[in-house]
Amino acid sequence: MKKESKALNLAKCLIINEGWVSMPLDVAESIAMEAVNKGYIDAWQHLELDKEVFGNCITDKDGGNAGEVPVIDACEFLRKFASFSGTDEWGNHKSKITRCGDIDILVDDIEEQSNE
């Protein structure tokens, strides 16, 4: 018997209804936080995602298609996220989000530059 992975993949998270692709808000936030933790985007870029994409989440009561789960426009999230990858700093950031809403900026480089 083949054992199925319990890991949630992106394809299972996307909900397509009437041409609108939605993604659960918590999944998108997890992806963004992991990108900060791995250094792909900076903390200010995460805040920009929070303001411009995550702030526009809807639920079924507002016309969404995922029941009571808050969802965002997956295409808008991916478009905004991809715009960050075009920067020269992509993958070289040192910011870290330790938990949702708690941003810890690592200042090692700043301290080294000020000591020079």
PDB file of N, CA and C in Angstrom:
ATOM      1  N   MET A   1       0.844  -1.176   0.000  1.00  0.00           N
ATOM      2  CA  MET A   1       0.000   0.000   0.000  1.00  0.00           C
ATOM      3  C   MET A   1       0.894   1.246   0.000  1.00  0.00           C
ATOM      4  N   LYS A   2       0.605   2.165  -0.892  1.00  0.00           N
ATOM      5  CA  LYS A   2       1.387   3.388  -1.015  1.00  0.00           C
ATOM      6  C   LYS A   2       0.989   4.383   0.076  1.00  0.00           C
ATOM      7  N   LYS A   3       1.997   4.883   0.769  1.00  0.00           N
ATOM      8  CA  LYS A   3       1.737   5.840   1.841  1.00  0.00           C
ATOM      9  C   LYS A   3       1.684   7.256   1.267  1.00  0.00           C
ATOM     10  N   GLU A   4       0.602   7.950   1.536  1.00  0.00           N
ATOM     11  CA  GLU A   4       0.455   9.308   1.035  1.00  0.00           C
ATOM     12  C   GLU A   4       1.090  10.302   1.986  1.00  0.00           C
ATOM     13  N   SER A   5       1.707  11.309   1.394  1.00  0.00           N
ATOM     14  CA  SER A   5       2.304  12.373   2.189  1.00  0.00           C
ATOM     15  C   SER A   5       1.196  13.258   2.737  1.00  0.00           C
ATOM     16  N   LYS A   6       1.321  13.645   3.993  1.00  0.00           N
ATOM     17  CA  LYS A   6       0.317  14.523   4.594  1.00  0.00           C
ATOM     18  C   LYS A   6       0.644  15.990   4.360  1.00  0.00           C
ATOM     19  N   ALA A   7       1.777  16.241   3.689  1.00  0.00           N
ATOM     20  CA  ALA A   7       2.160  17.624   3.414  1.00  0.00           C
ATOM     21  C   ALA A   7       1.161  18.246   2.448  1.00  0.00           C
ATOM     22  N   LEU A   8       0.833  19.488   2.703  1.00  0.00           N
ATOM     23  CA  LEU A   8      -0.103  20.219   1.860  1.00  0.00           C
ATOM     24  C   LEU A   8       0.680  20.842   0.716  1.00  0.00           C
ATOM     25  N   ASN A   9       0.310  20.553  -0.515  1.00  0.00           N
ATOM     26  CA  ASN A   9       1.008  21.200  -1.618  1.00  0.00           C
ATOM     27  C   ASN A   9       0.164  22.345  -2.153  1.00  0.00           C
ATOM     28  N   LEU A  10       0.808  23.205  -2.938  1.00  0.00           N
ATOM     29  CA  LEU A  10       0.143  24.412  -3.406  1.00  0.00           C
ATOM     30  C   LEU A  10      -1.090  24.089  -4.242  1.00  0.00           C
ATOM     31  N   ALA A  11      -1.021  23.044  -5.058  1.00  0.00           N
ATOM     32  CA  ALA A  11      -2.159  22.697  -5.911  1.00  0.00           C
ATOM     33  C   ALA A  11      -3.396  22.350  -5.089  1.00  0.00           C
ATOM     34  N   LYS A  12      -3.208  21.724  -3.927  1.00  0.00           N
ATOM     35  CA  LYS A  12      -4.340  21.378  -3.079  1.00  0.00           C
ATOM     36  C   LYS A  12      -4.894  22.601  -2.352  1.00  0.00           C
ATOM     37  N   CYS A  13      -4.081  23.652  -2.247  1.00  0.00           N
ATOM     38  CA  CYS A  13      -4.515  24.849  -1.530  1.00  0.00           C
ATOM     39  C   CYS A  13      -5.317  25.793  -2.420  1.00  0.00           C
ATOM     40  N   LEU A  14      -5.080  25.734  -3.722  1.00  0.00           N
ATOM     41  CA  LEU A  14      -5.759  26.650  -4.631  1.00  0.00           C
ATOM     42  C   LEU A  14      -7.189  26.190  -4.877  1.00  0.00           C
ATOM     43  N   ILE A  15      -8.094  27.112  -4.869  1.00  0.00           N
ATOM     44  CA  ILE A  15      -9.504  26.823  -5.069  1.00  0.00           C
ATOM     45  C   ILE A  15      -9.947  27.636  -6.281  1.00  0.00           C
ATOM     46  N   ILE A  16     -10.398  26.954  -7.319  1.00  0.00           N
ATOM     47  CA  ILE A  16     -10.759  27.651  -8.547  1.00  0.00           C
ATOM     48  C   ILE A  16     -12.275  27.640  -8.686  1.00  0.00           C
ATOM     49  N   ASN A  17     -12.844  28.821  -8.854  1.00  0.00           N
ATOM     50  CA  ASN A  17     -14.288  28.932  -8.986  1.00  0.00           C
ATOM     51  C   ASN A  17     -14.605  30.128  -9.864  1.00  0.00           C
ATOM     52  N   GLU A  18     -15.304  29.893 -10.952  1.00  0.00           N
ATOM     53  CA  GLU A  18     -15.730  30.956 -11.855  1.00  0.00           C
ATOM     54  C   GLU A  18     -14.564  31.827 -12.310  1.00  0.00           C
ATOM     55  N   GLY A  19     -13.443  31.198 -12.624  1.00  0.00           N
ATOM     56  CA  GLY A  19     -12.297  31.931 -13.155  1.00  0.00           C
ATOM     57  C   GLY A  19     -11.466  32.661 -12.123  1.00  0.00           C
ATOM     58  N   TRP A  20     -11.830  32.573 -10.859  1.00  0.00           N
ATOM     59  CA  TRP A  20     -11.081  33.257  -9.798  1.00  0.00           C
ATOM     60  C   TRP A  20     -10.308  32.218  -9.014  1.00  0.00           C
ATOM     61  N   VAL A  21      -9.006  32.407  -8.897  1.00  0.00           N
ATOM     62  CA  VAL A  21      -8.167  31.455  -8.174  1.00  0.00           C
ATOM     63  C   VAL A  21      -7.889  32.021  -6.794  1.00  0.00           C
ATOM     64  N   SER A  22      -8.344  31.312  -5.770  1.00  0.00           N
ATOM     65  CA  SER A  22      -8.133  31.794  -4.410  1.00  0.00           C
ATOM     66  C   SER A  22      -7.169  30.884  -3.671  1.00  0.00           C
ATOM     67  N   MET A  23      -6.537  31.442  -2.661  1.00  0.00           N
ATOM     68  CA  MET A  23      -5.609  30.696  -1.814  1.00  0.00           C
ATOM     69  C   MET A  23      -5.946  31.038  -0.375  1.00  0.00           C
ATOM     70  N   PRO A  24      -5.997  30.045   0.505  1.00  0.00           N
ATOM     71  CA  PRO A  24      -6.252  30.356   1.916  1.00  0.00           C
ATOM     72  C   PRO A  24      -5.218  31.348   2.447  1.00  0.00           C
ATOM     73  N   LEU A  25      -5.675  32.313   3.187  1.00  0.00           N
ATOM     74  CA  LEU A  25      -4.807  33.366   3.714  1.00  0.00           C
ATOM     75  C   LEU A  25      -3.666  32.802   4.539  1.00  0.00           C
ATOM     76  N   ASP A  26      -3.950  31.815   5.389  1.00  0.00           N
ATOM     77  CA  ASP A  26      -2.885  31.284   6.245  1.00  0.00           C
ATOM     78  C   ASP A  26      -1.791  30.585   5.441  1.00  0.00           C
ATOM     79  N   VAL A  27      -2.153  29.989   4.303  1.00  0.00           N
ATOM     80  CA  VAL A  27      -1.151  29.352   3.442  1.00  0.00           C
ATOM     81  C   VAL A  27      -0.248  30.415   2.820  1.00  0.00           C
ATOM     82  N   ALA A  28      -0.854  31.483   2.306  1.00  0.00           N
ATOM     83  CA  ALA A  28      -0.074  32.560   1.695  1.00  0.00           C
ATOM     84  C   ALA A  28       0.844  33.221   2.720  1.00  0.00           C
ATOM     85  N   GLU A  29       0.333  33.444   3.930  1.00  0.00           N
ATOM     86  CA  GLU A  29       1.165  34.046   4.975  1.00  0.00           C
ATOM     87  C   GLU A  29       2.329  33.134   5.345  1.00  0.00           C
ATOM     88  N   SER A  30       2.089  31.824   5.381  1.00  0.00           N
ATOM     89  CA  SER A  30       3.159  30.872   5.694  1.00  0.00           C
ATOM     90  C   SER A  30       4.238  30.888   4.620  1.00  0.00           C
ATOM     91  N   ILE A  31       3.825  30.962   3.363  1.00  0.00           N
ATOM     92  CA  ILE A  31       4.785  31.025   2.260  1.00  0.00           C
ATOM     93  C   ILE A  31       5.626  32.286   2.376  1.00  0.00           C
ATOM     94  N   ALA A  32       4.975  33.413   2.651  1.00  0.00           N
ATOM     95  CA  ALA A  32       5.697  34.680   2.760  1.00  0.00           C
ATOM     96  C   ALA A  32       6.653  34.681   3.950  1.00  0.00           C
ATOM     97  N   MET A  33       6.221  34.143   5.092  1.00  0.00           N
ATOM     98  CA  MET A  33       7.102  34.099   6.265  1.00  0.00           C
ATOM     99  C   MET A  33       8.303  33.196   6.019  1.00  0.00           C
ATOM    100  N   GLU A  34       8.075  32.085   5.346  1.00  0.00           N
ATOM    101  CA  GLU A  34       9.184  31.177   5.035  1.00  0.00           C
ATOM    102  C   GLU A  34      10.167  31.843   4.071  1.00  0.00           C
ATOM    103  N   ALA A  35       9.652  32.641   3.141  1.00  0.00           N
ATOM    104  CA  ALA A  35      10.529  33.362   2.210  1.00  0.00           C
ATOM    105  C   ALA A  35      11.409  34.360   2.953  1.00  0.00           C
ATOM    106  N   VAL A  36      10.861  35.003   3.976  1.00  0.00           N
ATOM    107  CA  VAL A  36      11.662  35.922   4.790  1.00  0.00           C
ATOM    108  C   VAL A  36      12.690  35.139   5.595  1.00  0.00           C
ATOM    109  N   ASN A  37      12.257  34.058   6.221  1.00  0.00           N
ATOM    110  CA  ASN A  37      13.169  33.253   7.040  1.00  0.00           C
ATOM    111  C   ASN A  37      14.326  32.686   6.231  1.00  0.00           C
ATOM    112  N   LYS A  38      14.080  32.354   4.965  1.00  0.00           N
ATOM    113  CA  LYS A  38      15.141  31.809   4.121  1.00  0.00           C
ATOM    114  C   LYS A  38      15.926  32.908   3.418  1.00  0.00           C
ATOM    115  N   GLY A  39      15.526  34.163   3.594  1.00  0.00           N
ATOM    116  CA  GLY A  39      16.279  35.277   3.032  1.00  0.00           C
ATOM    117  C   GLY A  39      15.912  35.669   1.614  1.00  0.00           C
ATOM    118  N   TYR A  40      14.802  35.163   1.071  1.00  0.00           N
ATOM    119  CA  TYR A  40      14.428  35.523  -0.291  1.00  0.00           C
ATOM    120  C   TYR A  40      13.838  36.923  -0.377  1.00  0.00           C
ATOM    121  N   ILE A  41      13.054  37.291   0.611  1.00  0.00           N
ATOM    122  CA  ILE A  41      12.508  38.648   0.645  1.00  0.00           C
ATOM    123  C   ILE A  41      12.858  39.273   1.988  1.00  0.00           C
ATOM    124  N   ASP A  42      12.793  40.587   2.036  1.00  0.00           N
ATOM    125  CA  ASP A  42      13.109  41.315   3.254  1.00  0.00           C
ATOM    126  C   ASP A  42      11.825  41.547   4.055  1.00  0.00           C
ATOM    127  N   ALA A  43      11.996  41.947   5.297  1.00  0.00           N
ATOM    128  CA  ALA A  43      10.838  42.169   6.171  1.00  0.00           C
ATOM    129  C   ALA A  43       9.915  43.245   5.612  1.00  0.00           C
ATOM    130  N   TRP A  44      10.488  44.299   5.024  1.00  0.00           N
ATOM    131  CA  TRP A  44       9.632  45.367   4.484  1.00  0.00           C
ATOM    132  C   TRP A  44       8.804  44.847   3.309  1.00  0.00           C
ATOM    133  N   GLN A  45       9.346  43.885   2.546  1.00  0.00           N
ATOM    134  CA  GLN A  45       8.580  43.312   1.445  1.00  0.00           C
ATOM    135  C   GLN A  45       7.432  42.450   1.985  1.00  0.00           C
ATOM    136  N   HIS A  46       7.673  41.771   3.098  1.00  0.00           N
ATOM    137  CA  HIS A  46       6.596  41.003   3.739  1.00  0.00           C
ATOM    138  C   HIS A  46       5.496  41.951   4.207  1.00  0.00           C
ATOM    139  N   LEU A  47       5.887  43.083   4.773  1.00  0.00           N
ATOM    140  CA  LEU A  47       4.897  44.065   5.215  1.00  0.00           C
ATOM    141  C   LEU A  47       4.116  44.623   4.029  1.00  0.00           C
ATOM    142  N   GLU A  48       4.796  44.789   2.889  1.00  0.00           N
ATOM    143  CA  GLU A  48       4.120  45.263   1.684  1.00  0.00           C
ATOM    144  C   GLU A  48       3.093  44.229   1.203  1.00  0.00           C
ATOM    145  N   LEU A  49       3.462  42.955   1.245  1.00  0.00           N
ATOM    146  CA  LEU A  49       2.501  41.890   0.915  1.00  0.00           C
ATOM    147  C   LEU A  49       1.316  41.927   1.869  1.00  0.00           C
ATOM    148  N   ASP A  50       1.610  42.114   3.141  1.00  0.00           N
ATOM    149  CA  ASP A  50       0.562  42.162   4.161  1.00  0.00           C
ATOM    150  C   ASP A  50      -0.418  43.287   3.872  1.00  0.00           C
ATOM    151  N   LYS A  51       0.109  44.432   3.497  1.00  0.00           N
ATOM    152  CA  LYS A  51      -0.729  45.610   3.255  1.00  0.00           C
ATOM    153  C   LYS A  51      -1.514  45.493   1.947  1.00  0.00           C
ATOM    154  N   GLU A  52      -0.843  45.079   0.873  1.00  0.00           N
ATOM    155  CA  GLU A  52      -1.453  45.123  -0.451  1.00  0.00           C
ATOM    156  C   GLU A  52      -2.200  43.856  -0.860  1.00  0.00           C
ATOM    157  N   VAL A  53      -1.829  42.710  -0.302  1.00  0.00           N
ATOM    158  CA  VAL A  53      -2.457  41.454  -0.724  1.00  0.00           C
ATOM    159  C   VAL A  53      -3.245  40.812   0.411  1.00  0.00           C
ATOM    160  N   PHE A  54      -2.589  40.591   1.548  1.00  0.00           N
ATOM    161  CA  PHE A  54      -3.256  39.901   2.651  1.00  0.00           C
ATOM    162  C   PHE A  54      -4.403  40.724   3.217  1.00  0.00           C
ATOM    163  N   GLY A  55      -4.305  42.042   3.134  1.00  0.00           N
ATOM    164  CA  GLY A  55      -5.354  42.919   3.644  1.00  0.00           C
ATOM    165  C   GLY A  55      -6.631  42.857   2.831  1.00  0.00           C
ATOM    166  N   ASN A  56      -6.570  42.244   1.653  1.00  0.00           N
ATOM    167  CA  ASN A  56      -7.730  42.144   0.775  1.00  0.00           C
ATOM    168  C   ASN A  56      -8.405  40.780   0.843  1.00  0.00           C
ATOM    169  N   CYS A  57      -8.202  40.063   1.944  1.00  0.00           N
ATOM    170  CA  CYS A  57      -8.805  38.730   2.041  1.00  0.00           C
ATOM    171  C   CYS A  57     -10.318  38.853   2.204  1.00  0.00           C
ATOM    172  N   ILE A  58     -11.006  37.825   1.732  1.00  0.00           N
ATOM    173  CA  ILE A  58     -12.465  37.790   1.840  1.00  0.00           C
ATOM    174  C   ILE A  58     -12.885  36.426   2.379  1.00  0.00           C
ATOM    175  N   THR A  59     -14.121  36.313   2.808  1.00  0.00           N
ATOM    176  CA  THR A  59     -14.692  35.028   3.207  1.00  0.00           C
ATOM    177  C   THR A  59     -15.937  34.779   2.364  1.00  0.00           C
ATOM    178  N   ASP A  60     -16.552  33.653   2.569  1.00  0.00           N
ATOM    179  CA  ASP A  60     -17.740  33.290   1.809  1.00  0.00           C
ATOM    180  C   ASP A  60     -18.846  34.325   1.955  1.00  0.00           C
ATOM    181  N   LYS A  61     -18.936  34.947   3.130  1.00  0.00           N
ATOM    182  CA  LYS A  61     -19.977  35.951   3.363  1.00  0.00           C
ATOM    183  C   LYS A  61     -19.813  37.148   2.440  1.00  0.00           C
ATOM    184  N   ASP A  62     -18.543  37.390   2.009  1.00  0.00           N
ATOM    185  CA  ASP A  62     -18.272  38.523   1.128  1.00  0.00           C
ATOM    186  C   ASP A  62     -18.190  38.117  -0.339  1.00  0.00           C
ATOM    187  N   GLY A  63     -18.544  36.898  -0.649  1.00  0.00           N
ATOM    188  CA  GLY A  63     -18.548  36.465  -2.042  1.00  0.00           C
ATOM    189  C   GLY A  63     -17.377  35.588  -2.419  1.00  0.00           C
ATOM    190  N   GLY A  64     -16.639  35.097  -1.456  1.00  0.00           N
ATOM    191  CA  GLY A  64     -15.521  34.195  -1.751  1.00  0.00           C
ATOM    192  C   GLY A  64     -16.043  32.815  -2.084  1.00  0.00           C
ATOM    193  N   ASN A  65     -15.143  31.863  -2.199  1.00  0.00           N
ATOM    194  CA  ASN A  65     -15.592  30.527  -2.577  1.00  0.00           C
ATOM    195  C   ASN A  65     -14.965  29.446  -1.712  1.00  0.00           C
ATOM    196  N   ALA A  66     -14.571  29.783  -0.500  1.00  0.00           N
ATOM    197  CA  ALA A  66     -13.922  28.785   0.352  1.00  0.00           C
ATOM    198  C   ALA A  66     -14.592  28.682   1.712  1.00  0.00           C
ATOM    199  N   GLY A  67     -15.876  28.871   1.756  1.00  0.00           N
ATOM    200  CA  GLY A  67     -16.584  28.778   3.031  1.00  0.00           C
ATOM    201  C   GLY A  67     -16.181  29.880   3.978  1.00  0.00           C
ATOM    202  N   GLU A  68     -15.913  29.522   5.210  1.00  0.00           N
ATOM    203  CA  GLU A  68     -15.553  30.507   6.225  1.00  0.00           C
ATOM    204  C   GLU A  68     -14.051  30.764   6.298  1.00  0.00           C
ATOM    205  N   VAL A  69     -13.282  30.109   5.430  1.00  0.00           N
ATOM    206  CA  VAL A  69     -11.828  30.284   5.427  1.00  0.00           C
ATOM    207  C   VAL A  69     -11.484  31.578   4.700  1.00  0.00           C
ATOM    208  N   PRO A  70     -10.729  32.478   5.331  1.00  0.00           N
ATOM    209  CA  PRO A  70     -10.318  33.691   4.618  1.00  0.00           C
ATOM    210  C   PRO A  70      -9.403  33.323   3.450  1.00  0.00           C
ATOM    211  N   VAL A  71      -9.679  33.887   2.290  1.00  0.00           N
ATOM    212  CA  VAL A  71      -8.884  33.603   1.096  1.00  0.00           C
ATOM    213  C   VAL A  71      -8.412  34.903   0.461  1.00  0.00           C
ATOM    214  N   ILE A  72      -7.344  34.781  -0.340  1.00  0.00           N
ATOM    215  CA  ILE A  72      -6.841  35.918  -1.108  1.00  0.00           C
ATOM    216  C   ILE A  72      -6.825  35.536  -2.578  1.00  0.00           C
ATOM    217  N   ASP A  73      -6.602  36.512  -3.432  1.00  0.00           N
ATOM    218  CA  ASP A  73      -6.443  36.275  -4.860  1.00  0.00           C
ATOM    219  C   ASP A  73      -5.049  35.698  -5.083  1.00  0.00           C
ATOM    220  N   ALA A  74      -4.976  34.419  -5.425  1.00  0.00           N
ATOM    221  CA  ALA A  74      -3.683  33.742  -5.575  1.00  0.00           C
ATOM    222  C   ALA A  74      -2.844  34.366  -6.680  1.00  0.00           C
ATOM    223  N   CYS A  75      -3.484  34.793  -7.756  1.00  0.00           N
ATOM    224  CA  CYS A  75      -2.733  35.397  -8.865  1.00  0.00           C
ATOM    225  C   CYS A  75      -2.087  36.707  -8.428  1.00  0.00           C
ATOM    226  N   GLU A  76      -2.803  37.503  -7.661  1.00  0.00           N
ATOM    227  CA  GLU A  76      -2.252  38.769  -7.160  1.00  0.00           C
ATOM    228  C   GLU A  76      -1.083  38.503  -6.217  1.00  0.00           C
ATOM    229  N   PHE A  77      -1.223  37.508  -5.354  1.00  0.00           N
ATOM    230  CA  PHE A  77      -0.144  37.142  -4.433  1.00  0.00           C
ATOM    231  C   PHE A  77       1.106  36.728  -5.205  1.00  0.00           C
ATOM    232  N   LEU A  78       0.937  35.844  -6.182  1.00  0.00           N
ATOM    233  CA  LEU A  78       2.088  35.369  -6.953  1.00  0.00           C
ATOM    234  C   LEU A  78       2.696  36.481  -7.799  1.00  0.00           C
ATOM    235  N   ARG A  79       1.860  37.369  -8.338  1.00  0.00           N
ATOM    236  CA  ARG A  79       2.354  38.500  -9.128  1.00  0.00           C
ATOM    237  C   ARG A  79       3.203  39.427  -8.259  1.00  0.00           C
ATOM    238  N   LYS A  80       2.712  39.750  -7.074  1.00  0.00           N
ATOM    239  CA  LYS A  80       3.445  40.635  -6.161  1.00  0.00           C
ATOM    240  C   LYS A  80       4.723  39.958  -5.682  1.00  0.00           C
ATOM    241  N   PHE A  81       4.625  38.689  -5.346  1.00  0.00           N
ATOM    242  CA  PHE A  81       5.781  37.932  -4.877  1.00  0.00           C
ATOM    243  C   PHE A  81       6.847  37.873  -5.968  1.00  0.00           C
ATOM    244  N   ALA A  82       6.425  37.645  -7.216  1.00  0.00           N
ATOM    245  CA  ALA A  82       7.372  37.568  -8.331  1.00  0.00           C
ATOM    246  C   ALA A  82       8.053  38.904  -8.587  1.00  0.00           C
ATOM    247  N   SER A  83       7.365  40.004  -8.312  1.00  0.00           N
ATOM    248  CA  SER A  83       7.991  41.319  -8.526  1.00  0.00           C
ATOM    249  C   SER A  83       9.196  41.509  -7.613  1.00  0.00           C
ATOM    250  N   PHE A  84       9.172  40.880  -6.441  1.00  0.00           N
ATOM    251  CA  PHE A  84      10.319  40.970  -5.533  1.00  0.00           C
ATOM    252  C   PHE A  84      11.516  40.198  -6.073  1.00  0.00           C
ATOM    253  N   SER A  85      11.271  39.123  -6.823  1.00  0.00           N
ATOM    254  CA  SER A  85      12.367  38.281  -7.306  1.00  0.00           C
ATOM    255  C   SER A  85      13.206  38.981  -8.364  1.00  0.00           C
ATOM    256  N   GLY A  86      12.694  40.070  -8.922  1.00  0.00           N
ATOM    257  CA  GLY A  86      13.452  40.814  -9.923  1.00  0.00           C
ATOM    258  C   GLY A  86      14.483  41.752  -9.337  1.00  0.00           C
ATOM    259  N   THR A  87      14.512  41.897  -8.030  1.00  0.00           N
ATOM    260  CA  THR A  87      15.461  42.817  -7.403  1.00  0.00           C
ATOM    261  C   THR A  87      16.837  42.179  -7.283  1.00  0.00           C
ATOM    262  N   ASP A  88      17.859  43.017  -7.201  1.00  0.00           N
ATOM    263  CA  ASP A  88      19.237  42.530  -7.066  1.00  0.00           C
ATOM    264  C   ASP A  88      19.460  41.812  -5.750  1.00  0.00           C
ATOM    265  N   GLU A  89      18.659  42.122  -4.746  1.00  0.00           N
ATOM    266  CA  GLU A  89      18.847  41.543  -3.413  1.00  0.00           C
ATOM    267  C   GLU A  89      18.145  40.202  -3.231  1.00  0.00           C
ATOM    268  N   TRP A  90      17.444  39.709  -4.261  1.00  0.00           N
ATOM    269  CA  TRP A  90      16.674  38.472  -4.124  1.00  0.00           C
ATOM    270  C   TRP A  90      17.559  37.357  -3.576  1.00  0.00           C
ATOM    271  N   GLY A  91      17.170  36.815  -2.450  1.00  0.00           N
ATOM    272  CA  GLY A  91      17.900  35.708  -1.854  1.00  0.00           C
ATOM    273  C   GLY A  91      19.053  36.113  -0.960  1.00  0.00           C
ATOM    274  N   ASN A  92      19.275  37.424  -0.778  1.00  0.00           N
ATOM    275  CA  ASN A  92      20.416  37.882   0.019  1.00  0.00           C
ATOM    276  C   ASN A  92      20.014  38.638   1.277  1.00  0.00           C
ATOM    277  N   HIS A  93      18.766  38.542   1.686  1.00  0.00           N
ATOM    278  CA  HIS A  93      18.295  39.289   2.846  1.00  0.00           C
ATOM    279  C   HIS A  93      18.636  38.577   4.145  1.00  0.00           C
ATOM    280  N   LYS A  94      18.712  39.351   5.223  1.00  0.00           N
ATOM    281  CA  LYS A  94      19.061  38.778   6.522  1.00  0.00           C
ATOM    282  C   LYS A  94      17.953  38.983   7.548  1.00  0.00           C
ATOM    283  N   SER A  95      16.788  39.401   7.104  1.00  0.00           N
ATOM    284  CA  SER A  95      15.670  39.588   8.028  1.00  0.00           C
ATOM    285  C   SER A  95      15.076  38.233   8.372  1.00  0.00           C
ATOM    286  N   LYS A  96      14.415  38.183   9.502  1.00  0.00           N
ATOM    287  CA  LYS A  96      13.822  36.916   9.926  1.00  0.00           C
ATOM    288  C   LYS A  96      12.512  37.193  10.653  1.00  0.00           C
ATOM    289  N   ILE A  97      11.464  36.473  10.287  1.00  0.00           N
ATOM    290  CA  ILE A  97      10.196  36.555  11.008  1.00  0.00           C
ATOM    291  C   ILE A  97      10.147  35.339  11.920  1.00  0.00           C
ATOM    292  N   THR A  98      10.125  35.583  13.213  1.00  0.00           N
ATOM    293  CA  THR A  98      10.160  34.477  14.161  1.00  0.00           C
ATOM    294  C   THR A  98       8.781  33.881  14.388  1.00  0.00           C
ATOM    295  N   ARG A  99       7.762  34.681  14.300  1.00  0.00           N
ATOM    296  CA  ARG A  99       6.389  34.182  14.357  1.00  0.00           C
ATOM    297  C   ARG A  99       5.499  35.255  13.743  1.00  0.00           C
ATOM    298  N   CYS A 100       4.279  34.909  13.450  1.00  0.00           N
ATOM    299  CA  CYS A 100       3.367  35.814  12.771  1.00  0.00           C
ATOM    300  C   CYS A 100       3.274  37.149  13.511  1.00  0.00           C
ATOM    301  N   GLY A 101       3.562  38.228  12.817  1.00  0.00           N
ATOM    302  CA  GLY A 101       3.466  39.559  13.402  1.00  0.00           C
ATOM    303  C   GLY A 101       4.677  39.980  14.198  1.00  0.00           C
ATOM    304  N   ASP A 102       5.676  39.110  14.352  1.00  0.00           N
ATOM    305  CA  ASP A 102       6.865  39.443  15.137  1.00  0.00           C
ATOM    306  C   ASP A 102       8.068  39.444  14.210  1.00  0.00           C
ATOM    307  N   ILE A 103       8.545  40.624  13.849  1.00  0.00           N
ATOM    308  CA  ILE A 103       9.649  40.738  12.907  1.00  0.00           C
ATOM    309  C   ILE A 103      10.916  41.084  13.661  1.00  0.00           C
ATOM    310  N   ASP A 104      11.922  40.255  13.477  1.00  0.00           N
ATOM    311  CA  ASP A 104      13.203  40.453  14.136  1.00  0.00           C
ATOM    312  C   ASP A 104      14.238  40.758  13.061  1.00  0.00           C
ATOM    313  N   ILE A 105      14.689  41.999  12.991  1.00  0.00           N
ATOM    314  CA  ILE A 105      15.679  42.403  12.004  1.00  0.00           C
ATOM    315  C   ILE A 105      17.061  42.105  12.557  1.00  0.00           C
ATOM    316  N   LEU A 106      17.824  41.322  11.826  1.00  0.00           N
ATOM    317  CA  LEU A 106      19.180  41.015  12.247  1.00  0.00           C
ATOM    318  C   LEU A 106      20.086  42.169  11.825  1.00  0.00           C
ATOM    319  N   VAL A 107      20.830  42.733  12.772  1.00  0.00           N
ATOM    320  CA  VAL A 107      21.605  43.943  12.514  1.00  0.00           C
ATOM    321  C   VAL A 107      23.105  43.682  12.473  1.00  0.00           C
ATOM    322  N   ASP A 108      23.525  42.468  12.251  1.00  0.00           N
ATOM    323  CA  ASP A 108      24.950  42.158  12.212  1.00  0.00           C
ATOM    324  C   ASP A 108      25.690  43.000  11.179  1.00  0.00           C
ATOM    325  N   ASP A 109      25.151  43.075   9.970  1.00  0.00           N
ATOM    326  CA  ASP A 109      25.819  43.838   8.919  1.00  0.00           C
ATOM    327  C   ASP A 109      25.869  45.320   9.253  1.00  0.00           C
ATOM    328  N   ILE A 110      24.796  45.842   9.818  1.00  0.00           N
ATOM    329  CA  ILE A 110      24.752  47.265  10.162  1.00  0.00           C
ATOM    330  C   ILE A 110      25.794  47.574  11.228  1.00  0.00           C
ATOM    331  N   GLU A 111      25.912  46.699  12.223  1.00  0.00           N
ATOM    332  CA  GLU A 111      26.900  46.906  13.279  1.00  0.00           C
ATOM    333  C   GLU A 111      28.318  46.827  12.724  1.00  0.00           C
ATOM    334  N   GLU A 112      28.563  45.894  11.804  1.00  0.00           N
ATOM    335  CA  GLU A 112      29.886  45.770  11.204  1.00  0.00           C
ATOM    336  C   GLU A 112      30.231  47.009  10.396  1.00  0.00           C
ATOM    337  N   GLN A 113      29.260  47.531   9.637  1.00  0.00           N
ATOM    338  CA  GLN A 113      29.502  48.716   8.823  1.00  0.00           C
ATOM    339  C   GLN A 113      29.758  49.937   9.695  1.00  0.00           C
ATOM    340  N   SER A 114      29.068  50.048  10.815  1.00  0.00           N
ATOM    341  CA  SER A 114      29.259  51.211  11.686  1.00  0.00           C
ATOM    342  C   SER A 114      30.591  51.145  12.428  1.00  0.00           C
ATOM    343  N   ASN A 115      31.128  49.937  12.623  1.00  0.00           N
ATOM    344  CA  ASN A 115      32.421  49.785  13.292  1.00  0.00           C
ATOM    345  C   ASN A 115      33.594  50.030  12.352  1.00  0.00           C
ATOM    346  N   GLU A 116      33.347  50.006  11.045  1.00  0.00           N
ATOM    347  CA  GLU A 116      34.435  50.219  10.079  1.00  0.00           C
ATOM    348  C   GLU A 116      34.794  51.670   9.944  1.00  0.00           C
TER     349      GLU A 116
END
